[in-house]
C-alpha atoms as a PDB file:
ATOM      1  CA  UNK A   1      10.590 -45.151  -5.172  1.00  0.00           C
ATOM      2  CA  UNK A   2      11.694 -42.983  -8.048  1.00  0.00           C
ATOM      3  CA  UNK A   3       9.221 -40.669  -9.728  1.00  0.00           C
ATOM      4  CA  UNK A   4       9.157 -41.001 -13.509  1.00  0.00           C
ATOM      5  CA  UNK A   5       8.347 -37.789 -15.342  1.00  0.00           C
ATOM      6  CA  UNK A   6       6.340 -38.494 -18.471  1.00  0.00           C
ATOM      7  CA  UNK A   7       7.278 -36.114 -21.263  1.00  0.00           C
ATOM      8  CA  UNK A   8       4.247 -35.041 -23.308  1.00  0.00           C
ATOM      9  CA  UNK A   9       4.131 -36.071 -26.973  1.00  0.00           C
ATOM     10  CA  UNK A  10       4.450 -32.443 -28.067  1.00  0.00           C
ATOM     11  CA  UNK A  11       7.873 -32.278 -26.414  1.00  0.00           C
ATOM     12  CA  UNK A  12       8.985 -35.475 -28.166  1.00  0.00           C
ATOM     13  CA  UNK A  13       8.041 -33.829 -31.455  1.00  0.00           C
ATOM     14  CA  UNK A  14      10.112 -30.776 -30.528  1.00  0.00           C
ATOM     15  CA  UNK A  15      13.088 -32.973 -29.775  1.00  0.00           C
ATOM     16  CA  UNK A  16      12.940 -34.431 -33.269  1.00  0.00           C
ATOM     17  CA  UNK A  17      12.502 -31.164 -35.176  1.00  0.00           C
ATOM     18  CA  UNK A  18      14.856 -28.553 -33.680  1.00  0.00           C
ATOM     19  CA  UNK A  19      18.650 -28.357 -33.298  1.00  0.00           C
ATOM     20  CA  UNK A  20      20.144 -30.015 -30.248  1.00  0.00           C
ATOM     21  CA  UNK A  21      20.983 -26.856 -28.285  1.00  0.00           C
ATOM     22  CA  UNK A  22      17.559 -25.340 -28.841  1.00  0.00           C
ATOM     23  CA  UNK A  23      15.957 -28.661 -27.987  1.00  0.00           C
ATOM     24  CA  UNK A  24      17.587 -28.719 -24.575  1.00  0.00           C
ATOM     25  CA  UNK A  25      16.669 -25.111 -23.841  1.00  0.00           C
ATOM     26  CA  UNK A  26      13.094 -25.575 -24.986  1.00  0.00           C
ATOM     27  CA  UNK A  27      12.565 -28.766 -23.019  1.00  0.00           C
ATOM     28  CA  UNK A  28      14.065 -27.302 -19.853  1.00  0.00           C
ATOM     29  CA  UNK A  29      11.927 -24.176 -20.146  1.00  0.00           C
ATOM     30  CA  UNK A  30       8.691 -26.078 -20.673  1.00  0.00           C
ATOM     31  CA  UNK A  31       9.477 -28.605 -17.948  1.00  0.00           C
ATOM     32  CA  UNK A  32      10.149 -25.781 -15.540  1.00  0.00           C
ATOM     33  CA  UNK A  33       6.693 -24.391 -16.221  1.00  0.00           C
ATOM     34  CA  UNK A  34       5.041 -27.809 -16.037  1.00  0.00           C
ATOM     35  CA  UNK A  35       6.759 -28.837 -12.837  1.00  0.00           C
ATOM     36  CA  UNK A  36       6.512 -25.470 -11.126  1.00  0.00           C
ATOM     37  CA  UNK A  37      10.138 -25.384 -10.032  1.00  0.00           C
ATOM     38  CA  UNK A  38      10.470 -21.608 -10.095  1.00  0.00           C
ATOM     39  CA  UNK A  39      10.816 -20.181  -6.608  1.00  0.00           C
ATOM     40  CA  UNK A  40       7.893 -17.975  -5.551  1.00  0.00           C
ATOM     41  CA  UNK A  41       8.360 -14.513  -4.085  1.00  0.00           C
ATOM     42  CA  UNK A  42       8.506 -14.265  -0.323  1.00  0.00           C
ATOM     43  CA  UNK A  43       6.722 -11.591   1.709  1.00  0.00           C
ATOM     44  CA  UNK A  44       8.140  -9.827   4.742  1.00  0.00           C
ATOM     45  CA  UNK A  45       7.041  -7.075   7.103  1.00  0.00           C
ATOM     46  CA  UNK A  46       8.724  -4.696   9.523  1.00  0.00           C
ATOM     47  CA  UNK A  47       6.261  -2.975  11.866  1.00  0.00           C
ATOM     48  CA  UNK A  48       7.699  -0.202  14.009  1.00  0.00           C
ATOM     49  CA  UNK A  49       5.700   1.645  16.624  1.00  0.00           C
ATOM     50  CA  UNK A  50       8.040   4.304  17.900  1.00  0.00           C
ATOM     51  CA  UNK A  51       8.310   6.202  21.146  1.00  0.00           C
ATOM     52  CA  UNK A  52       4.898   6.479  22.808  1.00  0.00           C
ATOM     53  CA  UNK A  53       5.662   9.826  24.388  1.00  0.00           C
ATOM     54  CA  UNK A  54       2.731  10.283  26.702  1.00  0.00           C
ATOM     55  CA  UNK A  55       1.611   7.083  28.366  1.00  0.00           C
ATOM     56  CA  UNK A  56      -1.901   7.472  26.960  1.00  0.00           C
ATOM     57  CA  UNK A  57      -0.639   6.711  23.432  1.00  0.00           C
ATOM     58  CA  UNK A  58       0.831   3.306  24.276  1.00  0.00           C
ATOM     59  CA  UNK A  59      -2.428   1.269  24.252  1.00  0.00           C
ATOM     60  CA  UNK A  60      -3.479   2.713  20.885  1.00  0.00           C
ATOM     61  CA  UNK A  61      -0.109   2.030  19.271  1.00  0.00           C
ATOM     62  CA  UNK A  62      -0.113  -1.497  20.690  1.00  0.00           C
ATOM     63  CA  UNK A  63      -3.606  -2.111  19.290  1.00  0.00           C
ATOM     64  CA  UNK A  64      -2.601  -0.929  15.811  1.00  0.00           C
ATOM     65  CA  UNK A  65       0.622  -2.930  15.883  1.00  0.00           C
ATOM     66  CA  UNK A  66      -1.156  -6.118  16.924  1.00  0.00           C
ATOM     67  CA  UNK A  67      -3.993  -5.593  14.437  1.00  0.00           C
ATOM     68  CA  UNK A  68      -1.473  -5.230  11.605  1.00  0.00           C
ATOM     69  CA  UNK A  69       0.332  -8.439  12.609  1.00  0.00           C
ATOM     70  CA  UNK A  70      -2.917 -10.395  12.863  1.00  0.00           C
ATOM     71  CA  UNK A  71      -4.093  -9.133   9.471  1.00  0.00           C
ATOM     72  CA  UNK A  72      -0.830 -10.099   7.793  1.00  0.00           C
ATOM     73  CA  UNK A  73      -0.646 -13.565   9.340  1.00  0.00           C
ATOM     74  CA  UNK A  74      -4.268 -14.685   9.576  1.00  0.00           C
ATOM     75  CA  UNK A  75      -5.804 -12.963   6.554  1.00  0.00           C
ATOM     76  CA  UNK A  76      -2.927 -12.383   4.110  1.00  0.00           C
ATOM     77  CA  UNK A  77      -0.998 -15.578   4.769  1.00  0.00           C
ATOM     78  CA  UNK A  78       2.335 -14.123   5.896  1.00  0.00           C
ATOM     79  CA  UNK A  79       4.783 -16.487   7.564  1.00  0.00           C
ATOM     80  CA  UNK A  80       4.950 -15.332  11.195  1.00  0.00           C
ATOM     81  CA  UNK A  81       8.730 -15.679  11.121  1.00  0.00           C
ATOM     82  CA  UNK A  82       8.821 -13.116   8.300  1.00  0.00           C
ATOM     83  CA  UNK A  83       7.307 -10.381  10.482  1.00  0.00           C
ATOM     84  CA  UNK A  84       9.429  -8.259  12.823  1.00  0.00           C
ATOM     85  CA  UNK A  85       7.804  -5.875  15.292  1.00  0.00           C
ATOM     86  CA  UNK A  86       9.646  -3.162  17.184  1.00  0.00           C
ATOM     87  CA  UNK A  87       7.999  -1.118  19.924  1.00  0.00           C
ATOM     88  CA  UNK A  88       8.520   1.138  22.904  1.00  0.00           C
ATOM     89  CA  UNK A  89       9.183  -1.113  25.892  1.00  0.00           C
ATOM     90  CA  UNK A  90      10.196  -4.105  23.814  1.00  0.00           C
ATOM     91  CA  UNK A  91      13.135  -6.276  24.818  1.00  0.00           C
ATOM     92  CA  UNK A  92      16.464  -5.912  23.026  1.00  0.00           C
ATOM     93  CA  UNK A  93      15.392  -7.713  19.843  1.00  0.00           C
ATOM     94  CA  UNK A  94      12.125  -5.784  19.665  1.00  0.00           C
ATOM     95  CA  UNK A  95      13.050  -2.332  20.927  1.00  0.00           C
ATOM     96  CA  UNK A  96      12.067   0.552  18.678  1.00  0.00           C
ATOM     97  CA  UNK A  97      15.418   2.275  18.909  1.00  0.00           C
ATOM     98  CA  UNK A  98      17.626   3.474  16.074  1.00  0.00           C
ATOM     99  CA  UNK A  99      19.920   0.513  16.752  1.00  0.00           C
ATOM    100  CA  UNK A 100      16.931  -1.852  16.714  1.00  0.00           C
ATOM    101  CA  UNK A 101      15.754  -0.487  13.372  1.00  0.00           C
ATOM    102  CA  UNK A 102      19.228  -0.807  11.836  1.00  0.00           C
ATOM    103  CA  UNK A 103      19.531  -4.373  13.081  1.00  0.00           C
ATOM    104  CA  UNK A 104      16.107  -5.336  11.721  1.00  0.00           C
ATOM    105  CA  UNK A 105      16.811  -3.795   8.305  1.00  0.00           C
ATOM    106  CA  UNK A 106      20.194  -5.538   8.134  1.00  0.00           C
ATOM    107  CA  UNK A 107      18.499  -8.860   8.886  1.00  0.00           C
ATOM    108  CA  UNK A 108      15.975  -8.196   6.126  1.00  0.00           C
ATOM    109  CA  UNK A 109      18.722  -7.377   3.670  1.00  0.00           C
ATOM    110  CA  UNK A 110      20.369 -10.721   4.369  1.00  0.00           C
ATOM    111  CA  UNK A 111      17.162 -12.620   3.565  1.00  0.00           C
ATOM    112  CA  UNK A 112      15.639 -10.661   0.699  1.00  0.00           C
ATOM    113  CA  UNK A 113      15.719 -11.606  -2.971  1.00  0.00           C
ATOM    114  CA  UNK A 114      14.893  -9.359  -5.879  1.00  0.00           C
ATOM    115  CA  UNK A 115      11.383 -10.834  -6.309  1.00  0.00           C
ATOM    116  CA  UNK A 116      10.387 -10.457  -2.651  1.00  0.00           C
ATOM    117  CA  UNK A 117       7.939  -7.907  -1.244  1.00  0.00           C
ATOM    118  CA  UNK A 118       8.464  -6.013   2.015  1.00  0.00           C
ATOM    119  CA  UNK A 119       5.942  -3.956   3.973  1.00  0.00           C
ATOM    120  CA  UNK A 120       7.452  -1.357   6.320  1.00  0.00           C
ATOM    121  CA  UNK A 121       4.801   0.217   8.544  1.00  0.00           C
ATOM    122  CA  UNK A 122       5.678   3.128  10.839  1.00  0.00           C
ATOM    123  CA  UNK A 123       3.247   3.888  13.669  1.00  0.00           C
ATOM    124  CA  UNK A 124       3.624   6.659  16.217  1.00  0.00           C
ATOM    125  CA  UNK A 125       4.800  10.255  16.295  1.00  0.00           C
ATOM    126  CA  UNK A 126       6.467  12.205  13.526  1.00  0.00           C
ATOM    127  CA  UNK A 127       8.111  15.602  13.736  1.00  0.00           C
ATOM    128  CA  UNK A 128       9.489  18.340  11.515  1.00  0.00           C
ATOM    129  CA  UNK A 129      11.806  21.076  12.767  1.00  0.00           C
ATOM    130  CA  UNK A 130      11.714  23.192   9.636  1.00  0.00           C
ATOM    131  CA  UNK A 131      14.658  21.408   8.063  1.00  0.00           C
ATOM    132  CA  UNK A 132      14.262  17.692   8.686  1.00  0.00           C
ATOM    133  CA  UNK A 133      11.412  15.267   9.225  1.00  0.00           C
ATOM    134  CA  UNK A 134      11.913  12.466  11.731  1.00  0.00           C
ATOM    135  CA  UNK A 135      10.142   9.349  12.904  1.00  0.00           C
ATOM    136  CA  UNK A 136      10.270   9.389  16.687  1.00  0.00           C
ATOM    137  CA  UNK A 137      12.031   6.415  18.239  1.00  0.00           C
ATOM    138  CA  UNK A 138      13.091   5.502  21.763  1.00  0.00           C
ATOM    139  CA  UNK A 139      16.279   7.510  22.129  1.00  0.00           C
ATOM    140  CA  UNK A 140      17.761   9.199  19.048  1.00  0.00           C
ATOM    141  CA  UNK A 141      15.306   9.515  16.152  1.00  0.00           C
ATOM    142  CA  UNK A 142      15.945   8.668  12.502  1.00  0.00           C
ATOM    143  CA  UNK A 143      15.364  11.361   9.883  1.00  0.00           C
ATOM    144  CA  UNK A 144      13.824  10.733   6.474  1.00  0.00           C
ATOM    145  CA  UNK A 145      17.305  11.016   4.936  1.00  0.00           C
ATOM    146  CA  UNK A 146      18.652   8.398   7.348  1.00  0.00           C
ATOM    147  CA  UNK A 147      15.777   6.066   6.540  1.00  0.00           C
ATOM    148  CA  UNK A 148      16.475   6.563   2.827  1.00  0.00           C
ATOM    149  CA  UNK A 149      20.129   5.584   3.265  1.00  0.00           C
ATOM    150  CA  UNK A 150      19.162   2.617   5.432  1.00  0.00           C
ATOM    151  CA  UNK A 151      16.638   1.217   2.951  1.00  0.00           C
ATOM    152  CA  UNK A 152      18.587   1.936  -0.235  1.00  0.00           C
ATOM    153  CA  UNK A 153      20.460  -1.417  -0.309  1.00  0.00           C
ATOM    154  CA  UNK A 154      17.304  -3.519   0.107  1.00  0.00           C
ATOM    155  CA  UNK A 155      16.374  -5.597  -2.946  1.00  0.00           C
ATOM    156  CA  UNK A 156      12.817  -6.453  -3.850  1.00  0.00           C
ATOM    157  CA  UNK A 157       9.663  -4.359  -3.907  1.00  0.00           C
ATOM    158  CA  UNK A 158       9.154  -2.116  -0.893  1.00  0.00           C
ATOM    159  CA  UNK A 159       5.848  -0.807   0.452  1.00  0.00           C
ATOM    160  CA  UNK A 160       6.659   1.923   2.959  1.00  0.00           C
ATOM    161  CA  UNK A 161       3.819   3.413   4.994  1.00  0.00           C
ATOM    162  CA  UNK A 162       4.622   6.307   7.320  1.00  0.00           C
ATOM    163  CA  UNK A 163       1.342   6.806   9.137  1.00  0.00           C
ATOM    164  CA  UNK A 164       2.547   9.619  11.388  1.00  0.00           C
ATOM    165  CA  UNK A 165       2.137  13.388  11.504  1.00  0.00           C
ATOM    166  CA  UNK A 166       4.486  15.541   9.399  1.00  0.00           C
ATOM    167  CA  UNK A 167       5.274  12.484   7.279  1.00  0.00           C
ATOM    168  CA  UNK A 168       5.200  14.087   3.828  1.00  0.00           C
ATOM    169  CA  UNK A 169       9.006  14.561   3.589  1.00  0.00           C
ATOM    170  CA  UNK A 170       9.362  10.787   3.887  1.00  0.00           C
ATOM    171  CA  UNK A 171       7.533  10.432   0.564  1.00  0.00           C
ATOM    172  CA  UNK A 172      10.014  12.775  -1.074  1.00  0.00           C
ATOM    173  CA  UNK A 173      13.043  11.056   0.481  1.00  0.00           C
ATOM    174  CA  UNK A 174      12.011   7.415   0.050  1.00  0.00           C
ATOM    175  CA  UNK A 175      10.373   7.461  -3.394  1.00  0.00           C
ATOM    176  CA  UNK A 176      12.266   5.270  -5.874  1.00  0.00           C
ATOM    177  CA  UNK A 177      11.623   2.657  -8.560  1.00  0.00           C
ATOM    178  CA  UNK A 178       9.963  -0.541  -7.335  1.00  0.00           C
ATOM    179  CA  UNK A 179       8.605   1.240  -4.293  1.00  0.00           C
ATOM    180  CA  UNK A 180       5.187   2.271  -3.073  1.00  0.00           C
ATOM    181  CA  UNK A 181       5.481   5.048  -0.497  1.00  0.00           C
ATOM    182  CA  UNK A 182       2.432   6.186   1.459  1.00  0.00           C
ATOM    183  CA  UNK A 183       2.361   9.056   3.935  1.00  0.00           C
ATOM    184  CA  UNK A 184      -0.497  10.109   6.187  1.00  0.00           C
ATOM    185  CA  UNK A 185       0.023  13.786   5.393  1.00  0.00           C
ATOM    186  CA  UNK A 186       0.629  15.894   2.301  1.00  0.00           C
ATOM    187  CA  UNK A 187       2.590  18.535   4.192  1.00  0.00           C
ATOM    188  CA  UNK A 188       5.263  18.661   6.880  1.00  0.00           C
ATOM    189  CA  UNK A 189       3.139  21.333   8.526  1.00  0.00           C
ATOM    190  CA  UNK A 190       0.411  18.807   9.392  1.00  0.00           C
ATOM    191  CA  UNK A 191       1.617  17.977  12.892  1.00  0.00           C
ATOM    192  CA  UNK A 192      -1.529  16.725  14.612  1.00  0.00           C
ATOM    193  CA  UNK A 193      -1.886  13.078  15.595  1.00  0.00           C
ATOM    194  CA  UNK A 194      -3.200  10.976  12.732  1.00  0.00           C
ATOM    195  CA  UNK A 195      -5.996   8.419  12.462  1.00  0.00           C
ATOM    196  CA  UNK A 196      -4.702   7.080   9.140  1.00  0.00           C
ATOM    197  CA  UNK A 197      -3.199   3.878  10.648  1.00  0.00           C
ATOM    198  CA  UNK A 198      -6.614   2.857  11.981  1.00  0.00           C
ATOM    199  CA  UNK A 199      -8.160   2.936   8.523  1.00  0.00           C
ATOM    200  CA  UNK A 200      -5.159   1.655   6.578  1.00  0.00           C
ATOM    201  CA  UNK A 201      -4.738  -1.460   8.724  1.00  0.00           C
ATOM    202  CA  UNK A 202      -8.468  -2.148   8.488  1.00  0.00           C
ATOM    203  CA  UNK A 203      -8.412  -1.667   4.708  1.00  0.00           C
ATOM    204  CA  UNK A 204      -5.768  -4.357   4.203  1.00  0.00           C
ATOM    205  CA  UNK A 205      -8.390  -7.062   4.774  1.00  0.00           C
ATOM    206  CA  UNK A 206     -11.739  -5.262   4.535  1.00  0.00           C
ATOM    207  CA  UNK A 207     -13.863  -6.623   1.638  1.00  0.00           C
ATOM    208  CA  UNK A 208     -15.336  -3.134   1.222  1.00  0.00           C
ATOM    209  CA  UNK A 209     -11.870  -1.916   0.195  1.00  0.00           C
ATOM    210  CA  UNK A 210     -11.906  -4.295  -2.775  1.00  0.00           C
ATOM    211  CA  UNK A 211     -13.246  -1.697  -5.176  1.00  0.00           C
ATOM    212  CA  UNK A 212     -12.979  -3.754  -8.366  1.00  0.00           C
ATOM    213  CA  UNK A 213     -14.355  -6.870  -6.614  1.00  0.00           C
ATOM    214  CA  UNK A 214     -11.633  -9.223  -7.835  1.00  0.00           C
ATOM    215  CA  UNK A 215     -11.312 -10.882  -4.432  1.00  0.00           C
ATOM    216  CA  UNK A 216      -8.043  -9.124  -3.564  1.00  0.00           C
ATOM    217  CA  UNK A 217      -7.046  -5.760  -2.139  1.00  0.00           C
ATOM    218  CA  UNK A 218      -4.253  -3.923  -3.898  1.00  0.00           C
ATOM    219  CA  UNK A 219      -2.070  -1.310  -2.255  1.00  0.00           C
ATOM    220  CA  UNK A 220      -3.904   1.358  -4.249  1.00  0.00           C
ATOM    221  CA  UNK A 221      -7.264   0.079  -3.019  1.00  0.00           C
ATOM    222  CA  UNK A 222      -6.059  -0.047   0.604  1.00  0.00           C
ATOM    223  CA  UNK A 223      -4.722   3.488   0.288  1.00  0.00           C
ATOM    224  CA  UNK A 224      -7.969   4.738  -1.268  1.00  0.00           C
ATOM    225  CA  UNK A 225     -10.180   3.060   1.339  1.00  0.00           C
ATOM    226  CA  UNK A 226      -8.035   4.409   4.175  1.00  0.00           C
ATOM    227  CA  UNK A 227      -8.105   7.923   2.728  1.00  0.00           C
ATOM    228  CA  UNK A 228     -11.891   7.871   2.420  1.00  0.00           C
ATOM    229  CA  UNK A 229     -12.161   6.503   5.951  1.00  0.00           C
ATOM    230  CA  UNK A 230     -10.063   9.369   7.291  1.00  0.00           C
ATOM    231  CA  UNK A 231     -12.187  11.877   5.383  1.00  0.00           C
ATOM    232  CA  UNK A 232     -15.397  10.459   6.847  1.00  0.00           C
ATOM    233  CA  UNK A 233     -13.867  10.473  10.341  1.00  0.00           C
ATOM    234  CA  UNK A 234     -13.461  14.242  10.271  1.00  0.00           C
ATOM    235  CA  UNK A 235     -16.682  14.928   8.358  1.00  0.00           C
ATOM    236  CA  UNK A 236     -18.822  13.015  10.840  1.00  0.00           C
ATOM    237  CA  UNK A 237     -17.331  15.096  13.660  1.00  0.00           C
ATOM    238  CA  UNK A 238     -17.856  18.363  11.831  1.00  0.00           C
ATOM    239  CA  UNK A 239     -14.105  18.998  11.825  1.00  0.00           C
ATOM    240  CA  UNK A 240     -11.703  20.116   9.147  1.00  0.00           C
ATOM    241  CA  UNK A 241      -9.404  17.269   8.132  1.00  0.00           C
ATOM    242  CA  UNK A 242      -5.896  17.763   9.485  1.00  0.00           C
ATOM    243  CA  UNK A 243      -4.434  14.951   7.407  1.00  0.00           C
ATOM    244  CA  UNK A 244      -4.535  14.102   3.716  1.00  0.00           C
ATOM    245  CA  UNK A 245      -2.661  10.973   2.691  1.00  0.00           C
ATOM    246  CA  UNK A 246      -0.495  10.690  -0.403  1.00  0.00           C
ATOM    247  CA  UNK A 247       0.857   7.758  -2.408  1.00  0.00           C
ATOM    248  CA  UNK A 248       3.864   7.573  -4.730  1.00  0.00           C
ATOM    249  CA  UNK A 249       4.501   4.494  -6.848  1.00  0.00           C
ATOM    250  CA  UNK A 250       6.401   5.906  -9.832  1.00  0.00           C
ATOM    251  CA  UNK A 251       9.436   7.159  -7.947  1.00  0.00           C
ATOM    252  CA  UNK A 252       9.089  10.879  -8.686  1.00  0.00           C
ATOM    253  CA  UNK A 253       8.465  11.880  -5.074  1.00  0.00           C
ATOM    254  CA  UNK A 254       5.403  14.003  -5.870  1.00  0.00           C
ATOM    255  CA  UNK A 255       2.568  11.763  -4.747  1.00  0.00           C
ATOM    256  CA  UNK A 256      -1.158  11.795  -5.338  1.00  0.00           C
ATOM    257  CA  UNK A 257      -4.270  11.935  -3.184  1.00  0.00           C
ATOM    258  CA  UNK A 258      -6.989   9.312  -3.509  1.00  0.00           C
ATOM    259  CA  UNK A 259      -9.358  10.546  -6.194  1.00  0.00           C
ATOM    260  CA  UNK A 260      -6.990  13.357  -7.106  1.00  0.00           C
ATOM    261  CA  UNK A 261      -4.996  14.056 -10.219  1.00  0.00           C
ATOM    262  CA  UNK A 262      -1.556  12.598 -10.797  1.00  0.00           C
ATOM    263  CA  UNK A 263       0.397   9.865 -12.496  1.00  0.00           C
ATOM    264  CA  UNK A 264       0.726   7.547  -9.493  1.00  0.00           C
ATOM    265  CA  UNK A 265      -1.518   4.534  -9.032  1.00  0.00           C
ATOM    266  CA  UNK A 266      -0.631   2.131 -11.824  1.00  0.00           C
ATOM    267  CA  UNK A 267       2.029   0.116  -9.988  1.00  0.00           C
ATOM    268  CA  UNK A 268       0.219   0.059  -6.643  1.00  0.00           C
ATOM    269  CA  UNK A 269      -3.006  -1.075  -8.362  1.00  0.00           C
ATOM    270  CA  UNK A 270      -1.150  -4.232  -9.415  1.00  0.00           C
ATOM    271  CA  UNK A 271       0.634  -4.837  -6.116  1.00  0.00           C
ATOM    272  CA  UNK A 272      -0.921  -7.134  -3.514  1.00  0.00           C
ATOM    273  CA  UNK A 273       0.279  -8.387  -0.132  1.00  0.00           C
ATOM    274  CA  UNK A 274      -1.552 -11.695  -0.314  1.00  0.00           C
ATOM    275  CA  UNK A 275      -0.122 -14.666  -2.265  1.00  0.00           C
ATOM    276  CA  UNK A 276      -0.430 -14.606  -6.035  1.00  0.00           C
ATOM    277  CA  UNK A 277      -3.598 -16.230  -7.342  1.00  0.00           C
ATOM    278  CA  UNK A 278      -2.846 -18.531 -10.312  1.00  0.00           C
ATOM    279  CA  UNK A 279      -4.936 -17.636 -13.327  1.00  0.00           C
ATOM    280  CA  UNK A 280      -6.286 -14.434 -11.792  1.00  0.00           C
ATOM    281  CA  UNK A 281      -7.525 -11.853 -14.277  1.00  0.00           C
ATOM    282  CA  UNK A 282      -5.218  -8.873 -14.726  1.00  0.00           C
ATOM    283  CA  UNK A 283      -6.176  -5.621 -13.024  1.00  0.00           C
ATOM    284  CA  UNK A 284      -8.264  -3.356 -15.236  1.00  0.00           C
ATOM    285  CA  UNK A 285      -6.574  -0.109 -14.246  1.00  0.00           C
ATOM    286  CA  UNK A 286      -8.968   2.128 -16.183  1.00  0.00           C
ATOM    287  CA  UNK A 287     -11.989   0.552 -14.502  1.00  0.00           C
ATOM    288  CA  UNK A 288     -10.297   0.727 -11.104  1.00  0.00           C
ATOM    289  CA  UNK A 289      -9.607   4.444 -11.596  1.00  0.00           C
ATOM    290  CA  UNK A 290     -13.268   5.054 -12.419  1.00  0.00           C
ATOM    291  CA  UNK A 291     -14.462   3.050  -9.415  1.00  0.00           C
ATOM    292  CA  UNK A 292     -12.128   4.993  -7.140  1.00  0.00           C
ATOM    293  CA  UNK A 293     -13.354   8.263  -8.599  1.00  0.00           C
ATOM    294  CA  UNK A 294     -16.951   7.236  -7.923  1.00  0.00           C
ATOM    295  CA  UNK A 295     -16.111   6.313  -4.328  1.00  0.00           C
ATOM    296  CA  UNK A 296     -14.421   9.689  -3.848  1.00  0.00           C
ATOM    297  CA  UNK A 297     -17.429  11.567  -5.273  1.00  0.00           C
ATOM    298  CA  UNK A 298     -19.788   9.636  -3.020  1.00  0.00           C
ATOM    299  CA  UNK A 299     -17.636  10.692  -0.073  1.00  0.00           C
ATOM    300  CA  UNK A 300     -17.859  14.285  -1.342  1.00  0.00           C
ATOM    301  CA  UNK A 301     -21.654  14.035  -1.178  1.00  0.00           C
ATOM    302  CA  UNK A 302     -21.478  12.951   2.471  1.00  0.00           C
ATOM    303  CA  UNK A 303     -19.060  15.780   3.189  1.00  0.00           C
ATOM    304  CA  UNK A 304     -21.306  18.321   1.484  1.00  0.00           C
ATOM    305  CA  UNK A 305     -24.323  17.212   3.522  1.00  0.00           C
ATOM    306  CA  UNK A 306     -22.343  17.716   6.713  1.00  0.00           C
ATOM    307  CA  UNK A 307     -21.429  21.252   5.623  1.00  0.00           C
ATOM    308  CA  UNK A 308     -24.914  22.211   4.465  1.00  0.00           C
ATOM    309  CA  UNK A 309     -25.687  24.324   7.544  1.00  0.00           C
ATOM    310  CA  UNK A 310     -22.620  26.442   6.846  1.00  0.00           C
ATOM    311  CA  UNK A 311     -23.658  27.251   3.252  1.00  0.00           C
ATOM    312  CA  UNK A 312     -26.335  29.368   1.622  1.00  0.00           C
ATOM    313  CA  UNK A 313     -29.080  27.409  -0.192  1.00  0.00           C
ATOM    314  CA  UNK A 314     -27.718  28.563  -3.554  1.00  0.00           C
ATOM    315  CA  UNK A 315     -24.146  27.530  -2.688  1.00  0.00           C
ATOM    316  CA  UNK A 316     -25.316  24.124  -1.516  1.00  0.00           C
ATOM    317  CA  UNK A 317     -27.484  23.510  -4.581  1.00  0.00           C
ATOM    318  CA  UNK A 318     -24.744  24.573  -6.993  1.00  0.00           C
ATOM    319  CA  UNK A 319     -22.150  22.300  -5.391  1.00  0.00           C
ATOM    320  CA  UNK A 320     -24.625  19.420  -5.089  1.00  0.00           C
ATOM    321  CA  UNK A 321     -25.489  19.648  -8.779  1.00  0.00           C
ATOM    322  CA  UNK A 322     -21.817  19.762  -9.754  1.00  0.00           C
ATOM    323  CA  UNK A 323     -21.059  16.578  -7.827  1.00  0.00           C
ATOM    324  CA  UNK A 324     -24.169  14.814  -9.124  1.00  0.00           C
ATOM    325  CA  UNK A 325     -23.326  15.642 -12.746  1.00  0.00           C
ATOM    326  CA  UNK A 326     -19.791  14.370 -12.322  1.00  0.00           C
ATOM    327  CA  UNK A 327     -21.033  11.263 -10.487  1.00  0.00           C
ATOM    328  CA  UNK A 328     -23.467  10.514 -13.319  1.00  0.00           C
ATOM    329  CA  UNK A 329     -20.683  10.889 -15.896  1.00  0.00           C
ATOM    330  CA  UNK A 330     -18.354   8.574 -13.998  1.00  0.00           C
ATOM    331  CA  UNK A 331     -21.127   6.009 -13.452  1.00  0.00           C
ATOM    332  CA  UNK A 332     -21.860   6.072 -17.202  1.00  0.00           C
ATOM    333  CA  UNK A 333     -18.180   5.460 -17.964  1.00  0.00           C
ATOM    334  CA  UNK A 334     -18.094   2.582 -15.483  1.00  0.00           C
ATOM    335  CA  UNK A 335     -21.029   0.888 -17.185  1.00  0.00           C
ATOM    336  CA  UNK A 336     -19.432   1.394 -20.589  1.00  0.00           C
ATOM    337  CA  UNK A 337     -16.112  -0.005 -19.383  1.00  0.00           C
ATOM    338  CA  UNK A 338     -17.740  -3.051 -17.813  1.00  0.00           C
ATOM    339  CA  UNK A 339     -19.677  -3.713 -21.021  1.00  0.00           C
ATOM    340  CA  UNK A 340     -16.742  -3.069 -23.329  1.00  0.00           C
ATOM    341  CA  UNK A 341     -13.253  -3.007 -21.691  1.00  0.00           C
ATOM    342  CA  UNK A 342     -11.824  -0.912 -24.501  1.00  0.00           C
ATOM    343  CA  UNK A 343     -14.477   1.793 -24.408  1.00  0.00           C
ATOM    344  CA  UNK A 344     -13.210   4.215 -21.773  1.00  0.00           C
ATOM    345  CA  UNK A 345     -11.330   7.287 -22.904  1.00  0.00           C
ATOM    346  CA  UNK A 346     -10.886  10.003 -20.316  1.00  0.00           C
END
């Protein structure tokens, strides 16, 4: 049975009133919108947990790898066939070797289109020898420069998360247009094991990470929530943080901390891993920035309370008042922005 497409009256009017060539173009354009024939962007993921090193690391890396896959498939609606996992001990097609990585990236390149989105998540050990940063694989490692050359031909939008120690040089090497690059550290000198993957993977689907409460979690929100989670992890243990994550989404390779100064954040605030929601309201980036700033200040209060015993009463009171004044200012700006979207001027 053939389906008959009824052309709305407004299109019949257009046909009568515009030149023939324009008529055809106009009708085809409108029909495309009406019929939804445009192909939607596909989403892919490459999850690599590298060499475990000591046997004690293997269970943790496996847990993070599996949690990431479950989040992508069950919560974010990824097609399971669009996710490739490589790991220490995996069979040939899933081995986290340099050859396995090259093969997986080549397979991605063959499938990707310019509108597609790819998440590349690196879990494991990172190293820096004073000249080059590397992600540790089974067998020969791949340096940040080698990763940059490997990923350069990939079309689409790339979200690259290096959650390892000494990962900062990867931000510098991999930053480029249409990319969001996140590293667990802001320095190659930070060589201790990281907890960032625990909080980042959780943030991908945690409603608490949805700062602007639009029902979706952007890459900027996931990054911010993970960063605050890491900060609380060390604060609650009375330890100095040995990792401070950075994000770059403008391609300049400089990066920005959550709640810190910088020009990054606009692109990642509008990038989501879940399917597009038709008719969703656009991201209010100014409001999101204020909400993130408030969350960061609230974390500063928790941190200050943990450090109170190490400060004089005057030092504590002065710092507490500074944070409270800034928190009150930001909260005022949030209320003004919510009441009148055009009111915020920082």
